[in-house]
Amino acid sequence: MKSLVSVRSISGASSKGMIDHVKGCLKDVEPDSILIHHGTNDLKYKQRKAKDIADNIINLAITVKKDVKEVFFSGLTFRNDKWNEKREKVNESLLDKCERNNIM
């Protein structure tokens, strides 16, 4: 069985801008599954609420789910700065939204 792992990143990209980028990447590699690690850059924008950030990430996952068998994503990683509380709220919202949308 051939295994292919592809890592793509866009430094500074926000969750809204990632949908088109990820769709393009999927055409290049056609994976069976995808792990999304995204959303940290959105924390610094005061006007973006935790729920809105989680919604954007889930929308990305739902869009990707149309083209792959399995979609996984990591929660936003711990931060030792002023954005950690907002990160926790995003992760709580993501967990709820993942369960409702059958995303791991």
C-alpha atoms as a PDB file:
ATOM      1  CA  MET A   1       0.000   0.000   0.000  1.00  0.00           C
ATOM      2  CA  LYS A   2       1.441   3.328  -1.015  1.00  0.00           C
ATOM      3  CA  SER A   3       1.258   6.096   1.562  1.00  0.00           C
ATOM      4  CA  LEU A   4       1.352   9.773   0.739  1.00  0.00           C
ATOM      5  CA  VAL A   5       1.500  12.566   3.249  1.00  0.00           C
ATOM      6  CA  SER A   6       1.275  16.130   2.052  1.00  0.00           C
ATOM      7  CA  VAL A   7       1.645  19.195   4.234  1.00  0.00           C
ATOM      8  CA  ARG A   8       0.497  22.572   3.010  1.00  0.00           C
ATOM      9  CA  SER A   9       0.420  25.836   4.902  1.00  0.00           C
ATOM     10  CA  ILE A  10      -0.196  29.486   4.311  1.00  0.00           C
ATOM     11  CA  SER A  11       1.386  31.673   6.927  1.00  0.00           C
ATOM     12  CA  GLY A  12      -1.022  34.298   8.218  1.00  0.00           C
ATOM     13  CA  ALA A  13      -4.100  32.896   6.461  1.00  0.00           C
ATOM     14  CA  SER A  14      -7.442  33.221   8.204  1.00  0.00           C
ATOM     15  CA  SER A  15     -10.184  30.596   8.196  1.00  0.00           C
ATOM     16  CA  LYS A  16     -12.321  32.433   5.639  1.00  0.00           C
ATOM     17  CA  GLY A  17      -9.514  32.474   3.094  1.00  0.00           C
ATOM     18  CA  MET A  18      -8.669  28.797   3.373  1.00  0.00           C
ATOM     19  CA  ILE A  19     -11.608  27.175   1.570  1.00  0.00           C
ATOM     20  CA  ASP A  20     -10.375  27.946  -1.948  1.00  0.00           C
ATOM     21  CA  HIS A  21      -6.787  27.115  -1.024  1.00  0.00           C
ATOM     22  CA  VAL A  22      -7.690  23.721   0.427  1.00  0.00           C
ATOM     23  CA  LYS A  23      -9.902  22.871  -2.549  1.00  0.00           C
ATOM     24  CA  GLY A  24      -6.940  23.549  -4.829  1.00  0.00           C
ATOM     25  CA  CYS A  25      -4.650  21.363  -2.729  1.00  0.00           C
ATOM     26  CA  LEU A  26      -7.181  18.520  -2.794  1.00  0.00           C
ATOM     27  CA  LYS A  27      -7.148  18.531  -6.603  1.00  0.00           C
ATOM     28  CA  ASP A  28      -3.363  18.105  -6.546  1.00  0.00           C
ATOM     29  CA  VAL A  29      -3.160  15.122  -4.171  1.00  0.00           C
ATOM     30  CA  GLU A  30      -6.677  13.554  -3.978  1.00  0.00           C
ATOM     31  CA  PRO A  31      -6.318  12.219  -0.406  1.00  0.00           C
ATOM     32  CA  ASP A  32      -8.557   9.683   1.329  1.00  0.00           C
ATOM     33  CA  SER A  33      -8.439  11.714   4.518  1.00  0.00           C
ATOM     34  CA  ILE A  34      -7.324  15.125   5.662  1.00  0.00           C
ATOM     35  CA  LEU A  35      -6.238  16.618   8.964  1.00  0.00           C
ATOM     36  CA  ILE A  36      -6.952  20.321   9.314  1.00  0.00           C
ATOM     37  CA  HIS A  37      -4.950  22.336  11.808  1.00  0.00           C
ATOM     38  CA  HIS A  38      -6.263  25.829  11.411  1.00  0.00           C
ATOM     39  CA  GLY A  39      -7.798  28.856  13.102  1.00  0.00           C
ATOM     40  CA  THR A  40      -5.050  30.267  15.300  1.00  0.00           C
ATOM     41  CA  ASN A  41      -4.537  33.333  13.101  1.00  0.00           C
ATOM     42  CA  ASP A  42      -8.184  34.343  13.619  1.00  0.00           C
ATOM     43  CA  LEU A  43      -7.763  34.767  17.372  1.00  0.00           C
ATOM     44  CA  LYS A  44      -5.994  38.116  17.111  1.00  0.00           C
ATOM     45  CA  TYR A  45      -8.936  39.835  15.394  1.00  0.00           C
ATOM     46  CA  LYS A  46     -11.108  41.411  18.082  1.00  0.00           C
ATOM     47  CA  GLN A  47     -14.170  41.573  15.834  1.00  0.00           C
ATOM     48  CA  ARG A  48     -14.113  37.780  15.302  1.00  0.00           C
ATOM     49  CA  LYS A  49     -15.976  36.026  18.073  1.00  0.00           C
ATOM     50  CA  ALA A  50     -15.042  32.493  19.134  1.00  0.00           C
ATOM     51  CA  LYS A  51     -18.298  31.113  17.694  1.00  0.00           C
ATOM     52  CA  ASP A  52     -17.619  32.784  14.327  1.00  0.00           C
ATOM     53  CA  ILE A  53     -14.107  31.368  14.168  1.00  0.00           C
ATOM     54  CA  ALA A  54     -15.454  27.891  14.966  1.00  0.00           C
ATOM     55  CA  ASP A  55     -18.158  28.321  12.299  1.00  0.00           C
ATOM     56  CA  ASN A  56     -15.538  29.202   9.678  1.00  0.00           C
ATOM     57  CA  ILE A  57     -13.420  26.189  10.592  1.00  0.00           C
ATOM     58  CA  ILE A  58     -16.426  23.857  10.485  1.00  0.00           C
ATOM     59  CA  ASN A  59     -17.463  25.306   7.110  1.00  0.00           C
ATOM     60  CA  LEU A  60     -13.975  24.493   5.851  1.00  0.00           C
ATOM     61  CA  ALA A  61     -14.262  20.936   7.186  1.00  0.00           C
ATOM     62  CA  ILE A  62     -17.743  20.456   5.659  1.00  0.00           C
ATOM     63  CA  THR A  63     -16.492  21.727   2.298  1.00  0.00           C
ATOM     64  CA  VAL A  64     -13.501  19.359   2.422  1.00  0.00           C
ATOM     65  CA  LYS A  65     -15.690  16.443   3.516  1.00  0.00           C
ATOM     66  CA  LYS A  66     -17.348  16.485   0.092  1.00  0.00           C
ATOM     67  CA  ASP A  67     -14.046  15.434  -1.532  1.00  0.00           C
ATOM     68  CA  VAL A  68     -12.467  13.040   1.004  1.00  0.00           C
ATOM     69  CA  LYS A  69     -13.596  10.006   2.995  1.00  0.00           C
ATOM     70  CA  GLU A  70     -12.524  11.307   6.391  1.00  0.00           C
ATOM     71  CA  VAL A  71     -11.945  14.769   7.810  1.00  0.00           C
ATOM     72  CA  PHE A  72     -10.112  15.263  11.070  1.00  0.00           C
ATOM     73  CA  PHE A  73      -8.903  18.433  12.650  1.00  0.00           C
ATOM     74  CA  SER A  74      -7.016  19.397  15.702  1.00  0.00           C
ATOM     75  CA  GLY A  75      -8.316  21.935  18.121  1.00  0.00           C
ATOM     76  CA  LEU A  76      -6.424  25.166  18.416  1.00  0.00           C
ATOM     77  CA  THR A  77      -3.261  24.533  20.420  1.00  0.00           C
ATOM     78  CA  PHE A  78      -2.552  25.976  23.850  1.00  0.00           C
ATOM     79  CA  ARG A  79      -1.203  29.488  23.877  1.00  0.00           C
ATOM     80  CA  ASN A  80       0.596  31.294  26.636  1.00  0.00           C
ATOM     81  CA  ASP A  81      -0.692  34.723  25.694  1.00  0.00           C
ATOM     82  CA  LYS A  82      -3.763  36.919  25.894  1.00  0.00           C
ATOM     83  CA  TRP A  83      -5.566  34.838  23.239  1.00  0.00           C
ATOM     84  CA  ASN A  84      -5.689  31.587  25.224  1.00  0.00           C
ATOM     85  CA  GLU A  85      -9.134  32.228  26.741  1.00  0.00           C
ATOM     86  CA  LYS A  86     -10.614  32.903  23.312  1.00  0.00           C
ATOM     87  CA  ARG A  87      -8.867  29.748  22.019  1.00  0.00           C
ATOM     88  CA  GLU A  88     -10.595  27.702  24.718  1.00  0.00           C
ATOM     89  CA  LYS A  89     -13.987  29.084  23.663  1.00  0.00           C
ATOM     90  CA  VAL A  90     -13.271  28.255  20.011  1.00  0.00           C
ATOM     91  CA  ASN A  91     -12.334  24.684  20.938  1.00  0.00           C
ATOM     92  CA  GLU A  92     -15.495  24.232  23.020  1.00  0.00           C
ATOM     93  CA  SER A  93     -17.617  25.438  20.120  1.00  0.00           C
ATOM     94  CA  LEU A  94     -15.691  23.222  17.676  1.00  0.00           C
ATOM     95  CA  LEU A  95     -16.304  20.111  19.764  1.00  0.00           C
ATOM     96  CA  ASP A  96     -20.045  20.716  19.732  1.00  0.00           C
ATOM     97  CA  LYS A  97     -20.098  21.476  16.004  1.00  0.00           C
ATOM     98  CA  CYS A  98     -17.969  18.413  15.182  1.00  0.00           C
ATOM     99  CA  GLU A  99     -20.381  16.117  16.983  1.00  0.00           C
ATOM    100  CA  ARG A 100     -23.353  17.624  15.121  1.00  0.00           C
ATOM    101  CA  ASN A 101     -21.610  17.366  11.722  1.00  0.00           C
ATOM    102  CA  ASN A 102     -19.973  13.923  12.195  1.00  0.00           C
ATOM    103  CA  ILE A 103     -16.453  15.314  11.981  1.00  0.00           C
ATOM    104  CA  MET A 104     -13.703  13.932  14.208  1.00  0.00           C
END
